[in-house]
């Protein structure tokens, strides 16, 4: 139940991030302009570009994170694996540094 809730929240958050990015760069006008440059016709809704772009985002994310299929295409770690490694490394360094500081302050008090 908790995992499902976290997945839903992450999915909605990623969707909002993509939507906000598209609003910042005005992707709708970009699609209209690109469609006009290719076809020479103005279209209020260039669906062919929008649909192919949406599919491309999904396929790109699947390829980039490489976690959808059980068999991995490459033997290298995914970006998520790398970030988790650095996160764990930072936690370990923090614990060691914090322990050194606490033991140093105890010896100064005595």
Protein backbone atom coordinates (compact mmCIF):
# COMPACT_ATOMS: atom_id res chain seq x y z
CA UNK A 1 0.00 0.00 0.00
CA UNK A 2 2.79 2.42 0.93
CA UNK A 3 4.79 1.57 -2.19
CA UNK A 4 1.73 2.17 -4.38
CA UNK A 5 1.12 5.53 -2.73
CA UNK A 6 4.75 6.58 -3.21
CA UNK A 7 4.64 5.47 -6.86
CA UNK A 8 1.50 7.52 -7.48
CA UNK A 9 2.99 10.59 -5.81
CA UNK A 10 6.23 10.27 -7.81
CA UNK A 11 4.31 9.76 -11.05
CA UNK A 12 2.21 12.88 -10.46
CA UNK A 13 5.28 14.88 -9.42
CA UNK A 14 7.17 13.86 -12.55
CA UNK A 15 4.15 14.77 -14.66
CA UNK A 16 3.93 18.19 -13.04
CA UNK A 17 7.65 18.77 -13.60
CA UNK A 18 7.30 17.96 -17.29
CA UNK A 19 4.21 20.17 -17.61
CA UNK A 20 5.94 23.09 -15.89
CA UNK A 21 8.98 22.69 -18.12
CA UNK A 22 6.79 22.72 -21.21
CA UNK A 23 5.03 25.87 -20.02
CA UNK A 24 8.37 27.58 -19.41
CA UNK A 25 9.64 26.87 -22.93
CA UNK A 26 6.17 27.33 -24.50
CA UNK A 27 6.20 23.93 -26.17
CA UNK A 28 2.77 24.47 -27.73
CA UNK A 29 4.01 27.38 -29.86
CA UNK A 30 7.18 25.44 -30.64
CA UNK A 31 5.11 22.56 -32.03
CA UNK A 32 2.96 24.94 -34.07
CA UNK A 33 6.01 26.69 -35.52
CA UNK A 34 7.80 23.43 -36.26
CA UNK A 35 4.67 22.03 -37.95
CA UNK A 36 4.40 25.17 -40.09
CA UNK A 37 8.07 24.96 -41.08
CA UNK A 38 7.72 21.34 -42.18
CA UNK A 39 4.31 21.37 -43.87
CA UNK A 40 3.81 25.03 -44.78
CA UNK A 41 0.33 24.85 -43.22
CA UNK A 42 -0.70 26.41 -39.92
CA UNK A 43 -2.30 23.95 -37.49
CA UNK A 44 -3.86 24.87 -34.17
CA UNK A 45 -3.25 21.33 -32.88
CA UNK A 46 -0.29 19.53 -34.49
CA UNK A 47 -1.29 16.15 -33.04
CA UNK A 48 1.27 14.15 -34.99
CA UNK A 49 4.10 16.07 -33.32
CA UNK A 50 2.47 16.00 -29.88
CA UNK A 51 1.75 12.27 -29.93
CA UNK A 52 5.19 11.30 -31.23
CA UNK A 53 6.84 13.61 -28.67
CA UNK A 54 4.85 12.06 -25.82
CA UNK A 55 5.76 8.54 -26.91
CA UNK A 56 9.39 9.63 -27.27
CA UNK A 57 9.49 10.93 -23.69
CA UNK A 58 8.21 7.59 -22.37
CA UNK A 59 10.59 5.49 -24.47
CA UNK A 60 13.49 7.79 -23.59
CA UNK A 61 12.84 7.44 -19.87
CA UNK A 62 12.55 3.67 -20.13
CA UNK A 63 15.82 3.51 -22.05
CA UNK A 64 17.60 5.99 -19.77
CA UNK A 65 16.71 4.36 -16.47
CA UNK A 66 16.88 0.78 -17.82
CA UNK A 67 14.70 -0.65 -15.01
CA UNK A 68 11.56 -1.81 -16.79
CA UNK A 69 12.78 -5.10 -18.18
CA UNK A 70 14.33 -7.88 -16.12
CA UNK A 71 17.18 -8.32 -18.60
CA UNK A 72 19.35 -5.22 -18.67
CA UNK A 73 20.66 -4.00 -22.00
CA UNK A 74 23.92 -2.80 -20.52
CA UNK A 75 26.00 -3.93 -17.57
CA UNK A 76 26.51 -0.36 -16.37
CA UNK A 77 24.55 1.12 -13.46
CA UNK A 78 21.54 3.32 -14.08
CA UNK A 79 21.53 6.99 -13.03
CA UNK A 80 19.35 6.02 -10.08
CA UNK A 81 21.92 3.43 -8.98
CA UNK A 82 24.68 6.04 -9.16
CA UNK A 83 22.66 8.58 -7.15
CA UNK A 84 21.85 5.96 -4.51
CA UNK A 85 25.57 5.11 -4.29
CA UNK A 86 26.52 8.77 -3.74
CA UNK A 87 23.70 9.19 -1.23
CA UNK A 88 24.91 6.20 0.79
CA UNK A 89 28.52 7.41 0.55
CA UNK A 90 27.51 10.85 1.86
CA UNK A 91 25.56 9.28 4.73
CA UNK A 92 28.54 7.11 5.68
CA UNK A 93 30.92 10.10 5.58
CA UNK A 94 28.53 12.16 7.69
CA UNK A 95 28.27 9.43 10.33
CA UNK A 96 32.06 9.06 10.49
CA UNK A 97 32.64 12.84 10.67
CA UNK A 98 29.92 13.26 13.29
CA UNK A 99 31.41 10.45 15.40
CA UNK A 100 34.87 12.06 15.18
CA UNK A 101 33.49 15.45 16.24
CA UNK A 102 31.56 13.98 19.15
CA UNK A 103 34.55 11.98 20.40
CA UNK A 104 36.79 15.06 20.05
CA UNK A 105 34.43 17.25 22.03
CA UNK A 106 34.20 14.67 24.83
CA UNK A 107 37.96 14.48 25.22
CA UNK A 108 38.25 18.29 25.39
CA UNK A 109 35.66 18.45 28.19
CA UNK A 110 37.55 15.94 30.32
